[in-house]
Each structure stands twice: as structure tokens, then as C-alpha cells.
């Protein structure tokens, strides 16, 4: 299964952010264009238990809408 992901830097530490499979994001009204370079995306997430360099997204804020990504 392919996942949409991004890389972010928080306080000098780089994290791989797992946003989810395209089908799940599409179902929730999120599109690949929402996550292109140069776009601003706000999300909440937790550090993965299996990989401390990975964040698992829980919610994504698009405009004024907060979307559950789980």
C-alpha cells in the first residue's frame, strides 16, 4: 500500500510524516495538491511507537475545517 508522506524539521530533528493512503485522504476531502511543496498544512500527530523518526497524523486542518485523518 502506498502512503502519502512528507518530511518536516522540528527543532533540528527531521521527521517523516505519514499522512495516509491516497484513498483514505480522498475520502476525507483531502487531495494530493493539498500537500505539494510550497503549501501550508497544519496537522496534529503522534510519534510512531515503531519508528521514533516517524509522525502519524491524526488530524489535518484545511482552511477552517479540521479533518480526522485516522
PDB file of N, CA and C in Angstrom:
ATOM      1  N   UNK A   1       0.848  -1.171   0.000  1.00  0.00           N
ATOM      2  CA  UNK A   1       0.000   0.000   0.000  1.00  0.00           C
ATOM      3  C   UNK A   1       0.893   1.233   0.000  1.00  0.00           C
ATOM      4  N   UNK A   2       0.608   2.184  -0.883  1.00  0.00           N
ATOM      5  CA  UNK A   2       1.395   3.417  -0.909  1.00  0.00           C
ATOM      6  C   UNK A   2       0.780   4.430   0.057  1.00  0.00           C
ATOM      7  N   UNK A   3       1.634   5.205   0.679  1.00  0.00           N
ATOM      8  CA  UNK A   3       1.204   6.238   1.610  1.00  0.00           C
ATOM      9  C   UNK A   3       1.704   7.586   1.137  1.00  0.00           C
ATOM     10  N   UNK A   4       0.916   8.614   1.372  1.00  0.00           N
ATOM     11  CA  UNK A   4       1.384   9.962   1.113  1.00  0.00           C
ATOM     12  C   UNK A   4       2.151  10.383   2.352  1.00  0.00           C
ATOM     13  N   UNK A   5       3.348  10.911   2.129  1.00  0.00           N
ATOM     14  CA  UNK A   5       4.176  11.307   3.267  1.00  0.00           C
ATOM     15  C   UNK A   5       4.866  12.632   2.969  1.00  0.00           C
ATOM     16  N   UNK A   6       5.395  13.221   4.015  1.00  0.00           N
ATOM     17  CA  UNK A   6       6.133  14.481   3.902  1.00  0.00           C
ATOM     18  C   UNK A   6       7.275  14.431   4.904  1.00  0.00           C
ATOM     19  N   UNK A   7       8.226  15.328   4.754  1.00  0.00           N
ATOM     20  CA  UNK A   7       9.339  15.433   5.686  1.00  0.00           C
ATOM     21  C   UNK A   7       9.309  16.825   6.291  1.00  0.00           C
ATOM     22  N   UNK A   8       9.428  16.900   7.628  1.00  0.00           N
ATOM     23  CA  UNK A   8       9.446  18.195   8.301  1.00  0.00           C
ATOM     24  C   UNK A   8      10.614  18.245   9.282  1.00  0.00           C
ATOM     25  N   UNK A   9      10.997  19.452   9.645  1.00  0.00           N
ATOM     26  CA  UNK A   9      12.057  19.672  10.619  1.00  0.00           C
ATOM     27  C   UNK A   9      11.449  20.380  11.819  1.00  0.00           C
ATOM     28  N   UNK A  10      11.601  19.798  12.988  1.00  0.00           N
ATOM     29  CA  UNK A  10      11.110  20.389  14.224  1.00  0.00           C
ATOM     30  C   UNK A  10      12.287  20.512  15.174  1.00  0.00           C
ATOM     31  N   UNK A  11      12.702  21.712  15.428  1.00  0.00           N
ATOM     32  CA  UNK A  11      13.804  21.944  16.357  1.00  0.00           C
ATOM     33  C   UNK A  11      15.083  21.218  15.992  1.00  0.00           C
ATOM     34  N   UNK A  12      15.392  21.135  14.696  1.00  0.00           N
ATOM     35  CA  UNK A  12      16.609  20.480  14.243  1.00  0.00           C
ATOM     36  C   UNK A  12      16.498  18.978  14.085  1.00  0.00           C
ATOM     37  N   UNK A  13      15.336  18.405  14.377  1.00  0.00           N
ATOM     38  CA  UNK A  13      15.123  16.964  14.195  1.00  0.00           C
ATOM     39  C   UNK A  13      14.185  16.760  13.009  1.00  0.00           C
ATOM     40  N   UNK A  14      14.570  15.875  12.097  1.00  0.00           N
ATOM     41  CA  UNK A  14      13.781  15.606  10.902  1.00  0.00           C
ATOM     42  C   UNK A  14      12.848  14.429  11.141  1.00  0.00           C
ATOM     43  N   UNK A  15      11.592  14.618  10.780  1.00  0.00           N
ATOM     44  CA  UNK A  15      10.581  13.572  10.914  1.00  0.00           C
ATOM     45  C   UNK A  15       9.974  13.259   9.551  1.00  0.00           C
ATOM     46  N   UNK A  16       9.658  11.986   9.330  1.00  0.00           N
ATOM     47  CA  UNK A  16       8.882  11.562   8.185  1.00  0.00           C
ATOM     48  C   UNK A  16       7.427  11.546   8.655  1.00  0.00           C
ATOM     49  N   UNK A  17       6.576  12.323   8.002  1.00  0.00           N
ATOM     50  CA  UNK A  17       5.174  12.440   8.397  1.00  0.00           C
ATOM     51  C   UNK A  17       4.331  11.554   7.498  1.00  0.00           C
ATOM     52  N   UNK A  18       3.657  10.573   8.082  1.00  0.00           N
ATOM     53  CA  UNK A  18       2.787   9.684   7.318  1.00  0.00           C
ATOM     54  C   UNK A  18       1.368  10.234   7.349  1.00  0.00           C
ATOM     55  N   UNK A  19       0.900  10.693   6.191  1.00  0.00           N
ATOM     56  CA  UNK A  19      -0.425  11.294   6.097  1.00  0.00           C
ATOM     57  C   UNK A  19      -1.507  10.249   5.863  1.00  0.00           C
ATOM     58  N   UNK A  20      -1.179   9.163   5.200  1.00  0.00           N
ATOM     59  CA  UNK A  20      -2.138   8.089   4.961  1.00  0.00           C
ATOM     60  C   UNK A  20      -2.192   7.695   3.501  1.00  0.00           C
ATOM     61  N   UNK A  21      -2.932   6.636   3.204  1.00  0.00           N
ATOM     62  CA  UNK A  21      -3.076   6.211   1.808  1.00  0.00           C
ATOM     63  C   UNK A  21      -3.945   7.200   1.034  1.00  0.00           C
ATOM     64  N   UNK A  22      -3.670   7.377  -0.259  1.00  0.00           N
ATOM     65  CA  UNK A  22      -4.436   8.330  -1.071  1.00  0.00           C
ATOM     66  C   UNK A  22      -5.945   8.114  -1.005  1.00  0.00           C
ATOM     67  N   UNK A  23      -6.398   6.882  -0.981  1.00  0.00           N
ATOM     68  CA  UNK A  23      -7.833   6.597  -0.957  1.00  0.00           C
ATOM     69  C   UNK A  23      -8.469   7.162   0.316  1.00  0.00           C
ATOM     70  N   UNK A  24      -7.820   6.983   1.461  1.00  0.00           N
ATOM     71  CA  UNK A  24      -8.354   7.488   2.727  1.00  0.00           C
ATOM     72  C   UNK A  24      -8.393   9.016   2.724  1.00  0.00           C
ATOM     73  N   UNK A  25      -7.323   9.640   2.242  1.00  0.00           N
ATOM     74  CA  UNK A  25      -7.286  11.100   2.213  1.00  0.00           C
ATOM     75  C   UNK A  25      -8.341  11.657   1.270  1.00  0.00           C
ATOM     76  N   UNK A  26      -8.513  11.021   0.110  1.00  0.00           N
ATOM     77  CA  UNK A  26      -9.516  11.447  -0.853  1.00  0.00           C
ATOM     78  C   UNK A  26     -10.917  11.348  -0.247  1.00  0.00           C
ATOM     79  N   UNK A  27     -11.191  10.260   0.458  1.00  0.00           N
ATOM     80  CA  UNK A  27     -12.492  10.044   1.091  1.00  0.00           C
ATOM     81  C   UNK A  27     -12.796  11.146   2.109  1.00  0.00           C
ATOM     82  N   UNK A  28     -11.752  11.686   2.723  1.00  0.00           N
ATOM     83  CA  UNK A  28     -11.918  12.728   3.734  1.00  0.00           C
ATOM     84  C   UNK A  28     -11.838  14.140   3.155  1.00  0.00           C
ATOM     85  N   UNK A  29     -11.786  14.242   1.829  1.00  0.00           N
ATOM     86  CA  UNK A  29     -11.787  15.554   1.182  1.00  0.00           C
ATOM     87  C   UNK A  29     -10.421  16.190   1.042  1.00  0.00           C
ATOM     88  N   UNK A  30      -9.367  15.400   1.226  1.00  0.00           N
ATOM     89  CA  UNK A  30      -8.005  15.897   1.055  1.00  0.00           C
ATOM     90  C   UNK A  30      -7.459  15.376  -0.259  1.00  0.00           C
ATOM     91  N   UNK A  31      -6.745  16.232  -0.982  1.00  0.00           N
ATOM     92  CA  UNK A  31      -6.207  15.849  -2.277  1.00  0.00           C
ATOM     93  C   UNK A  31      -4.695  15.971  -2.269  1.00  0.00           C
ATOM     94  N   UNK A  32      -4.024  15.284  -3.186  1.00  0.00           N
ATOM     95  CA  UNK A  32      -2.566  15.327  -3.274  1.00  0.00           C
ATOM     96  C   UNK A  32      -2.069  16.767  -3.425  1.00  0.00           C
ATOM     97  N   UNK A  33      -2.840  17.612  -4.134  1.00  0.00           N
ATOM     98  CA  UNK A  33      -2.455  19.014  -4.325  1.00  0.00           C
ATOM     99  C   UNK A  33      -2.367  19.767  -3.000  1.00  0.00           C
ATOM    100  N   UNK A  34      -3.120  19.322  -1.997  1.00  0.00           N
ATOM    101  CA  UNK A  34      -3.100  19.973  -0.687  1.00  0.00           C
ATOM    102  C   UNK A  34      -1.753  19.813   0.010  1.00  0.00           C
ATOM    103  N   UNK A  35      -0.958  18.854  -0.427  1.00  0.00           N
ATOM    104  CA  UNK A  35       0.298  18.525   0.244  1.00  0.00           C
ATOM    105  C   UNK A  35       1.531  18.787  -0.622  1.00  0.00           C
ATOM    106  N   UNK A  36       1.381  19.545  -1.708  1.00  0.00           N
ATOM    107  CA  UNK A  36       2.511  19.843  -2.585  1.00  0.00           C
ATOM    108  C   UNK A  36       3.455  20.838  -1.933  1.00  0.00           C
ATOM    109  N   UNK A  37       4.700  20.825  -2.397  1.00  0.00           N
ATOM    110  CA  UNK A  37       5.709  21.759  -1.898  1.00  0.00           C
ATOM    111  C   UNK A  37       5.211  23.190  -2.046  1.00  0.00           C
ATOM    112  N   UNK A  38       5.437  23.992  -1.022  1.00  0.00           N
ATOM    113  CA  UNK A  38       5.013  25.386  -1.032  1.00  0.00           C
ATOM    114  C   UNK A  38       3.668  25.611  -0.377  1.00  0.00           C
ATOM    115  N   UNK A  39       2.896  24.558  -0.150  1.00  0.00           N
ATOM    116  CA  UNK A  39       1.598  24.673   0.514  1.00  0.00           C
ATOM    117  C   UNK A  39       1.811  24.598   2.024  1.00  0.00           C
ATOM    118  N   UNK A  40       0.949  25.272   2.765  1.00  0.00           N
ATOM    119  CA  UNK A  40       1.000  25.210   4.219  1.00  0.00           C
ATOM    120  C   UNK A  40      -0.102  24.285   4.703  1.00  0.00           C
ATOM    121  N   UNK A  41       0.280  23.315   5.516  1.00  0.00           N
ATOM    122  CA  UNK A  41      -0.663  22.358   6.073  1.00  0.00           C
ATOM    123  C   UNK A  41      -0.456  22.323   7.582  1.00  0.00           C
ATOM    124  N   UNK A  42      -1.541  22.360   8.327  1.00  0.00           N
ATOM    125  CA  UNK A  42      -1.470  22.246   9.772  1.00  0.00           C
ATOM    126  C   UNK A  42      -2.011  20.877  10.155  1.00  0.00           C
ATOM    127  N   UNK A  43      -1.294  20.182  11.037  1.00  0.00           N
ATOM    128  CA  UNK A  43      -1.750  18.862  11.453  1.00  0.00           C
ATOM    129  C   UNK A  43      -1.363  18.603  12.899  1.00  0.00           C
ATOM    130  N   UNK A  44      -2.043  17.630  13.492  1.00  0.00           N
ATOM    131  CA  UNK A  44      -1.623  17.100  14.789  1.00  0.00           C
ATOM    132  C   UNK A  44      -1.236  15.655  14.548  1.00  0.00           C
ATOM    133  N   UNK A  45      -0.291  15.174  15.304  1.00  0.00           N
ATOM    134  CA  UNK A  45       0.164  13.805  15.130  1.00  0.00           C
ATOM    135  C   UNK A  45       0.894  13.301  16.360  1.00  0.00           C
ATOM    136  N   UNK A  46       1.249  12.042  16.312  1.00  0.00           N
ATOM    137  CA  UNK A  46       1.990  11.411  17.403  1.00  0.00           C
ATOM    138  C   UNK A  46       3.195  10.692  16.816  1.00  0.00           C
ATOM    139  N   UNK A  47       4.226  10.557  17.631  1.00  0.00           N
ATOM    140  CA  UNK A  47       5.419   9.825  17.214  1.00  0.00           C
ATOM    141  C   UNK A  47       5.079   8.340  17.171  1.00  0.00           C
ATOM    142  N   UNK A  48       5.486   7.675  16.115  1.00  0.00           N
ATOM    143  CA  UNK A  48       5.248   6.247  15.945  1.00  0.00           C
ATOM    144  C   UNK A  48       5.969   5.447  17.031  1.00  0.00           C
ATOM    145  N   UNK A  49       5.321   4.407  17.517  1.00  0.00           N
ATOM    146  CA  UNK A  49       5.942   3.520  18.510  1.00  0.00           C
ATOM    147  C   UNK A  49       7.019   2.647  17.871  1.00  0.00           C
ATOM    148  N   UNK A  50       6.873   2.347  16.573  1.00  0.00           N
ATOM    149  CA  UNK A  50       7.835   1.502  15.878  1.00  0.00           C
ATOM    150  C   UNK A  50       9.049   2.272  15.380  1.00  0.00           C
ATOM    151  N   UNK A  51       8.875   3.559  15.032  1.00  0.00           N
ATOM    152  CA  UNK A  51       9.961   4.344  14.456  1.00  0.00           C
ATOM    153  C   UNK A  51       9.929   5.758  15.058  1.00  0.00           C
ATOM    154  N   UNK A  52      10.878   6.106  15.904  1.00  0.00           N
ATOM    155  CA  UNK A  52      10.856   7.421  16.563  1.00  0.00           C
ATOM    156  C   UNK A  52      11.099   8.604  15.615  1.00  0.00           C
ATOM    157  N   UNK A  53      11.438   8.343  14.364  1.00  0.00           N
ATOM    158  CA  UNK A  53      11.629   9.410  13.373  1.00  0.00           C
ATOM    159  C   UNK A  53      10.391   9.606  12.506  1.00  0.00           C
ATOM    160  N   UNK A  54       9.278   8.980  12.896  1.00  0.00           N
ATOM    161  CA  UNK A  54       8.071   8.986  12.090  1.00  0.00           C
ATOM    162  C   UNK A  54       6.912   9.566  12.900  1.00  0.00           C
ATOM    163  N   UNK A  55       6.154  10.464  12.278  1.00  0.00           N
ATOM    164  CA  UNK A  55       4.952  11.013  12.899  1.00  0.00           C
ATOM    165  C   UNK A  55       3.734  10.454  12.185  1.00  0.00           C
ATOM    166  N   UNK A  56       2.750  10.051  12.950  1.00  0.00           N
ATOM    167  CA  UNK A  56       1.491   9.569  12.389  1.00  0.00           C
ATOM    168  C   UNK A  56       0.446  10.658  12.576  1.00  0.00           C
ATOM    169  N   UNK A  57      -0.092  11.143  11.478  1.00  0.00           N
ATOM    170  CA  UNK A  57      -1.037  12.255  11.507  1.00  0.00           C
ATOM    171  C   UNK A  57      -2.384  11.791  12.046  1.00  0.00           C
ATOM    172  N   UNK A  58      -2.961  12.598  12.944  1.00  0.00           N
ATOM    173  CA  UNK A  58      -4.282  12.310  13.483  1.00  0.00           C
ATOM    174  C   UNK A  58      -5.336  13.238  12.892  1.00  0.00           C
ATOM    175  N   UNK A  59      -5.015  14.548  12.817  1.00  0.00           N
ATOM    176  CA  UNK A  59      -5.939  15.495  12.194  1.00  0.00           C
ATOM    177  C   UNK A  59      -5.170  16.422  11.259  1.00  0.00           C
ATOM    178  N   UNK A  60      -5.868  16.879  10.219  1.00  0.00           N
ATOM    179  CA  UNK A  60      -5.314  17.848   9.270  1.00  0.00           C
ATOM    180  C   UNK A  60      -6.294  19.012   9.222  1.00  0.00           C
ATOM    181  N   UNK A  61      -5.772  20.237   9.284  1.00  0.00           N
ATOM    182  CA  UNK A  61      -6.623  21.411   9.169  1.00  0.00           C
ATOM    183  C   UNK A  61      -6.477  21.972   7.761  1.00  0.00           C
ATOM    184  N   UNK A  62      -7.600  22.033   7.061  1.00  0.00           N
ATOM    185  CA  UNK A  62      -7.656  22.561   5.693  1.00  0.00           C
ATOM    186  C   UNK A  62      -8.629  23.727   5.717  1.00  0.00           C
ATOM    187  N   UNK A  63      -8.088  24.937   5.558  1.00  0.00           N
ATOM    188  CA  UNK A  63      -8.933  26.134   5.704  1.00  0.00           C
ATOM    189  C   UNK A  63      -9.415  26.217   7.141  1.00  0.00           C
ATOM    190  N   UNK A  64     -10.718  26.230   7.337  1.00  0.00           N
ATOM    191  CA  UNK A  64     -11.292  26.268   8.686  1.00  0.00           C
ATOM    192  C   UNK A  64     -11.796  24.902   9.133  1.00  0.00           C
ATOM    193  N   UNK A  65     -11.572  23.875   8.307  1.00  0.00           N
ATOM    194  CA  UNK A  65     -12.060  22.535   8.622  1.00  0.00           C
ATOM    195  C   UNK A  65     -10.970  21.666   9.213  1.00  0.00           C
ATOM    196  N   UNK A  66     -11.248  21.050  10.353  1.00  0.00           N
ATOM    197  CA  UNK A  66     -10.325  20.074  10.929  1.00  0.00           C
ATOM    198  C   UNK A  66     -10.834  18.697  10.536  1.00  0.00           C
ATOM    199  N   UNK A  67      -9.960  17.929   9.876  1.00  0.00           N
ATOM    200  CA  UNK A  67     -10.348  16.636   9.308  1.00  0.00           C
ATOM    201  C   UNK A  67      -9.616  15.523  10.042  1.00  0.00           C
ATOM    202  N   UNK A  68     -10.372  14.518  10.497  1.00  0.00           N
ATOM    203  CA  UNK A  68      -9.784  13.355  11.154  1.00  0.00           C
ATOM    204  C   UNK A  68      -9.136  12.485  10.082  1.00  0.00           C
ATOM    205  N   UNK A  69      -7.828  12.279  10.178  1.00  0.00           N
ATOM    206  CA  UNK A  69      -7.088  11.531   9.162  1.00  0.00           C
ATOM    207  C   UNK A  69      -6.907  10.067   9.523  1.00  0.00           C
ATOM    208  N   UNK A  70      -7.379   9.655  10.683  1.00  0.00           N
ATOM    209  CA  UNK A  70      -7.170   8.256  11.086  1.00  0.00           C
ATOM    210  C   UNK A  70      -8.129   7.337  10.424  1.00  0.00           C
TER     211      UNK A  70
END
